[in-house]
C-alpha atoms as a PDB file:
ATOM      1  CA  MET A   1     -42.798  -2.894  -7.201  1.00  0.00           C
ATOM      2  CA  VAL A   2     -39.007  -2.782  -6.931  1.00  0.00           C
ATOM      3  CA  GLU A   3     -37.090  -3.064 -10.147  1.00  0.00           C
ATOM      4  CA  ASN A   4     -33.621  -4.529 -10.209  1.00  0.00           C
ATOM      5  CA  LEU A   5     -31.668  -1.838 -12.047  1.00  0.00           C
ATOM      6  CA  ARG A   6     -28.188  -3.184 -12.415  1.00  0.00           C
ATOM      7  CA  THR A   7     -25.932  -0.567 -13.960  1.00  0.00           C
ATOM      8  CA  ASP A   8     -22.889  -2.850 -14.211  1.00  0.00           C
ATOM      9  CA  LYS A   9     -23.725  -5.386 -16.905  1.00  0.00           C
ATOM     10  CA  ARG A  10     -20.400  -7.217 -16.783  1.00  0.00           C
ATOM     11  CA  ALA A  11     -20.415 -11.004 -16.503  1.00  0.00           C
ATOM     12  CA  ALA A  12     -17.515 -10.996 -14.035  1.00  0.00           C
ATOM     13  CA  GLU A  13     -16.104  -8.617 -11.434  1.00  0.00           C
ATOM     14  CA  ARG A  14     -13.395  -6.284 -12.688  1.00  0.00           C
ATOM     15  CA  ARG A  15     -10.397  -5.818 -10.374  1.00  0.00           C
ATOM     16  CA  ALA A  16      -7.989  -2.871 -10.494  1.00  0.00           C
ATOM     17  CA  VAL A  17      -4.360  -3.962 -10.776  1.00  0.00           C
ATOM     18  CA  SER A  18      -1.031  -2.613 -11.952  1.00  0.00           C
ATOM     19  CA  LEU A  19       0.882  -5.606 -13.265  1.00  0.00           C
ATOM     20  CA  PRO A  20       3.597  -5.911 -15.918  1.00  0.00           C
ATOM     21  CA  ALA A  21       2.407  -7.773 -19.012  1.00  0.00           C
ATOM     22  CA  ARG A  22       3.720  -8.816 -22.412  1.00  0.00           C
ATOM     23  CA  LEU A  23       1.872  -8.859 -25.731  1.00  0.00           C
ATOM     24  CA  THR A  24       2.785 -10.978 -28.750  1.00  0.00           C
ATOM     25  CA  TRP A  25       1.069 -10.745 -32.144  1.00  0.00           C
ATOM     26  CA  LYS A  26       1.677 -10.985 -35.873  1.00  0.00           C
ATOM     27  CA  ASP A  27       1.442  -7.820 -37.929  1.00  0.00           C
ATOM     28  CA  ALA A  28      -0.181  -7.543 -41.371  1.00  0.00           C
ATOM     29  CA  ARG A  29       2.968  -8.989 -43.011  1.00  0.00           C
ATOM     30  CA  GLY A  30       3.107 -11.959 -40.651  1.00  0.00           C
ATOM     31  CA  THR A  31       6.077 -10.676 -38.647  1.00  0.00           C
ATOM     32  CA  MET A  32       6.019 -11.490 -34.939  1.00  0.00           C
ATOM     33  CA  ARG A  33       5.813  -8.376 -32.767  1.00  0.00           C
ATOM     34  CA  PHE A  34       6.267  -7.954 -29.024  1.00  0.00           C
ATOM     35  CA  ALA A  35       5.398  -5.181 -26.612  1.00  0.00           C
ATOM     36  CA  SER A  36       5.597  -4.596 -22.893  1.00  0.00           C
ATOM     37  CA  ALA A  37       2.504  -3.242 -21.203  1.00  0.00           C
ATOM     38  CA  ILE A  38       0.854  -2.617 -17.842  1.00  0.00           C
ATOM     39  CA  ALA A  39      -2.373  -4.449 -16.988  1.00  0.00           C
ATOM     40  CA  ARG A  40      -4.683  -1.908 -15.332  1.00  0.00           C
ATOM     41  CA  ASN A  41      -7.729  -4.046 -14.611  1.00  0.00           C
ATOM     42  CA  VAL A  42      -8.667  -7.681 -15.065  1.00  0.00           C
ATOM     43  CA  SER A  43     -11.705  -9.914 -14.925  1.00  0.00           C
ATOM     44  CA  ASP A  44     -12.247 -13.594 -15.660  1.00  0.00           C
ATOM     45  CA  PHE A  45     -12.955 -12.813 -19.316  1.00  0.00           C
ATOM     46  CA  GLY A  46     -10.885  -9.745 -20.180  1.00  0.00           C
ATOM     47  CA  LEU A  47      -8.369  -7.117 -19.229  1.00  0.00           C
ATOM     48  CA  TYR A  48      -7.403  -3.554 -20.045  1.00  0.00           C
ATOM     49  CA  ILE A  49      -3.763  -2.785 -20.654  1.00  0.00           C
ATOM     50  CA  GLU A  50      -1.787   0.388 -21.249  1.00  0.00           C
ATOM     51  CA  CYS A  51       1.259   0.489 -23.507  1.00  0.00           C
ATOM     52  CA  PRO A  52       4.121   2.850 -22.567  1.00  0.00           C
ATOM     53  CA  THR A  53       4.926   3.230 -26.275  1.00  0.00           C
ATOM     54  CA  PRO A  54       2.250   3.232 -28.980  1.00  0.00           C
ATOM     55  CA  VAL A  55       1.784  -0.058 -30.819  1.00  0.00           C
ATOM     56  CA  SER A  56       0.082  -0.709 -34.121  1.00  0.00           C
ATOM     57  CA  ILE A  57      -2.471  -3.375 -33.242  1.00  0.00           C
ATOM     58  CA  PRO A  58      -5.762  -3.123 -35.117  1.00  0.00           C
ATOM     59  CA  LEU A  59      -9.193  -3.865 -33.743  1.00  0.00           C
ATOM     60  CA  TYR A  60     -10.106  -7.587 -33.591  1.00  0.00           C
ATOM     61  CA  ARG A  61      -6.457  -8.705 -33.955  1.00  0.00           C
ATOM     62  CA  LEU A  62      -5.638 -11.871 -32.049  1.00  0.00           C
ATOM     63  CA  VAL A  63      -2.817 -11.384 -29.554  1.00  0.00           C
ATOM     64  CA  GLN A  64      -1.155 -13.499 -26.906  1.00  0.00           C
ATOM     65  CA  VAL A  65      -1.128 -11.794 -23.512  1.00  0.00           C
ATOM     66  CA  GLN A  66       0.928 -12.901 -20.545  1.00  0.00           C
ATOM     67  CA  ILE A  67       1.308 -11.443 -17.070  1.00  0.00           C
ATOM     68  CA  GLU A  68       5.000 -11.279 -16.163  1.00  0.00           C
ATOM     69  CA  ARG A  69       6.244 -13.610 -13.428  1.00  0.00           C
ATOM     70  CA  ASP A  70       6.316 -10.832 -10.843  1.00  0.00           C
ATOM     71  CA  GLY A  71       2.574 -10.315 -11.268  1.00  0.00           C
ATOM     72  CA  VAL A  72       1.454 -13.969 -11.411  1.00  0.00           C
ATOM     73  CA  ALA A  73       1.631 -14.210  -7.626  1.00  0.00           C
ATOM     74  CA  ALA A  74      -1.111 -11.577  -7.328  1.00  0.00           C
ATOM     75  CA  ASN A  75      -4.449 -12.954  -6.149  1.00  0.00           C
ATOM     76  CA  ALA A  76      -6.353 -10.549  -8.378  1.00  0.00           C
ATOM     77  CA  ILE A  77      -5.627 -12.278 -11.690  1.00  0.00           C
ATOM     78  CA  PRO A  78      -7.930 -14.927 -13.155  1.00  0.00           C
ATOM     79  CA  PRO A  79      -6.798 -18.568 -13.384  1.00  0.00           C
ATOM     80  CA  ALA A  80      -6.398 -18.399 -17.174  1.00  0.00           C
ATOM     81  CA  LEU A  81      -3.705 -15.719 -16.841  1.00  0.00           C
ATOM     82  CA  MET A  82      -1.917 -17.639 -14.087  1.00  0.00           C
ATOM     83  CA  ARG A  83      -1.157 -20.464 -16.515  1.00  0.00           C
ATOM     84  CA  GLY A  84       0.842 -18.290 -18.912  1.00  0.00           C
ATOM     85  CA  ARG A  85       0.026 -16.938 -22.365  1.00  0.00           C
ATOM     86  CA  VAL A  86      -3.639 -16.551 -23.235  1.00  0.00           C
ATOM     87  CA  LEU A  87      -5.044 -15.982 -26.696  1.00  0.00           C
ATOM     88  CA  SER A  88      -7.041 -12.738 -26.682  1.00  0.00           C
ATOM     89  CA  ALA A  89      -8.899 -10.512 -29.119  1.00  0.00           C
ATOM     90  CA  VAL A  90      -8.523  -6.740 -29.208  1.00  0.00           C
ATOM     91  CA  TYR A  91     -12.012  -5.271 -28.930  1.00  0.00           C
ATOM     92  CA  ARG A  92     -11.242  -1.645 -28.086  1.00  0.00           C
ATOM     93  CA  VAL A  93      -8.260   0.577 -28.849  1.00  0.00           C
ATOM     94  CA  SER A  94      -7.852   3.865 -26.981  1.00  0.00           C
ATOM     95  CA  PRO A  95      -5.337   6.084 -28.786  1.00  0.00           C
ATOM     96  CA  ALA A  96      -2.545   7.767 -26.893  1.00  0.00           C
ATOM     97  CA  SER A  97      -2.897  11.436 -26.035  1.00  0.00           C
ATOM     98  CA  MET A  98      -0.799  14.075 -24.310  1.00  0.00           C
ATOM     99  CA  THR A  99      -2.134  12.960 -20.924  1.00  0.00           C
ATOM    100  CA  GLN A 100      -2.898   9.270 -21.440  1.00  0.00           C
ATOM    101  CA  ARG A 101      -1.084   6.197 -22.738  1.00  0.00           C
ATOM    102  CA  GLN A 102      -2.464   4.018 -25.498  1.00  0.00           C
ATOM    103  CA  GLY A 103      -4.838   1.416 -24.100  1.00  0.00           C
ATOM    104  CA  LEU A 104      -6.164  -1.889 -25.371  1.00  0.00           C
ATOM    105  CA  ALA A 105      -9.181  -3.785 -24.104  1.00  0.00           C
ATOM    106  CA  LEU A 106      -8.643  -7.516 -24.588  1.00  0.00           C
ATOM    107  CA  ARG A 107     -11.206 -10.303 -24.484  1.00  0.00           C
ATOM    108  CA  LEU A 108      -9.647 -13.509 -23.180  1.00  0.00           C
ATOM    109  CA  MET A 109     -10.443 -16.395 -25.501  1.00  0.00           C
ATOM    110  CA  VAL A 110     -11.404 -18.809 -22.726  1.00  0.00           C
ATOM    111  CA  ASP A 111     -14.438 -21.061 -22.665  1.00  0.00           C
ATOM    112  CA  PRO A 112     -16.968 -19.588 -20.182  1.00  0.00           C
ATOM    113  CA  ARG A 113     -18.157 -23.116 -19.354  1.00  0.00           C
ATOM    114  CA  THR A 114     -14.626 -24.063 -18.303  1.00  0.00           C
ATOM    115  CA  MET A 115     -14.426 -20.939 -16.141  1.00  0.00           C
ATOM    116  CA  ALA A 116     -17.800 -21.759 -14.524  1.00  0.00           C
ATOM    117  CA  ALA A 117     -16.672 -25.315 -13.782  1.00  0.00           C
ATOM    118  CA  ALA A 118     -13.457 -24.058 -12.168  1.00  0.00           C
ATOM    119  CA  GLU A 119     -15.282 -21.494  -9.983  1.00  0.00           C
ATOM    120  CA  PRO A 120     -16.551 -23.954  -7.293  1.00  0.00           C
ATOM    121  CA  ALA A 121     -13.107 -25.524  -7.055  1.00  0.00           C
ATOM    122  CA  ARG A 122     -11.529 -22.106  -6.554  1.00  0.00           C
ATOM    123  CA  ALA A 123     -14.066 -21.174  -3.878  1.00  0.00           C
ATOM    124  CA  THR A 124     -13.333 -24.279  -1.802  1.00  0.00           C
ATOM    125  CA  ALA A 125      -9.553 -24.037  -2.076  1.00  0.00           C
END
């Protein structure tokens, strides 16, 4: 009996990229904050970004993420990010170290049913 042992439990394929991005969020006092970042990998439901300078964004904070115009032409980004700013939730924060930049894992707040409905249209285009 052959068991299907899938080690990658992700719902969507993750693609390695290096695209300029911009984050926007409100801090604890309600002040709008902005930061430039580099998107390192993307999927239909999330992305991992690295910040050149450390930012103070706590876990579960809602942020707006946008791929800069130069990167929107890339085929590797999901349709939600092609349309502009996307509301996202921070679900992992990797602190900066001497050898690594601060990283944030973001969950795109997109309806999976909408993404599933758009998938056949994207495949036929």
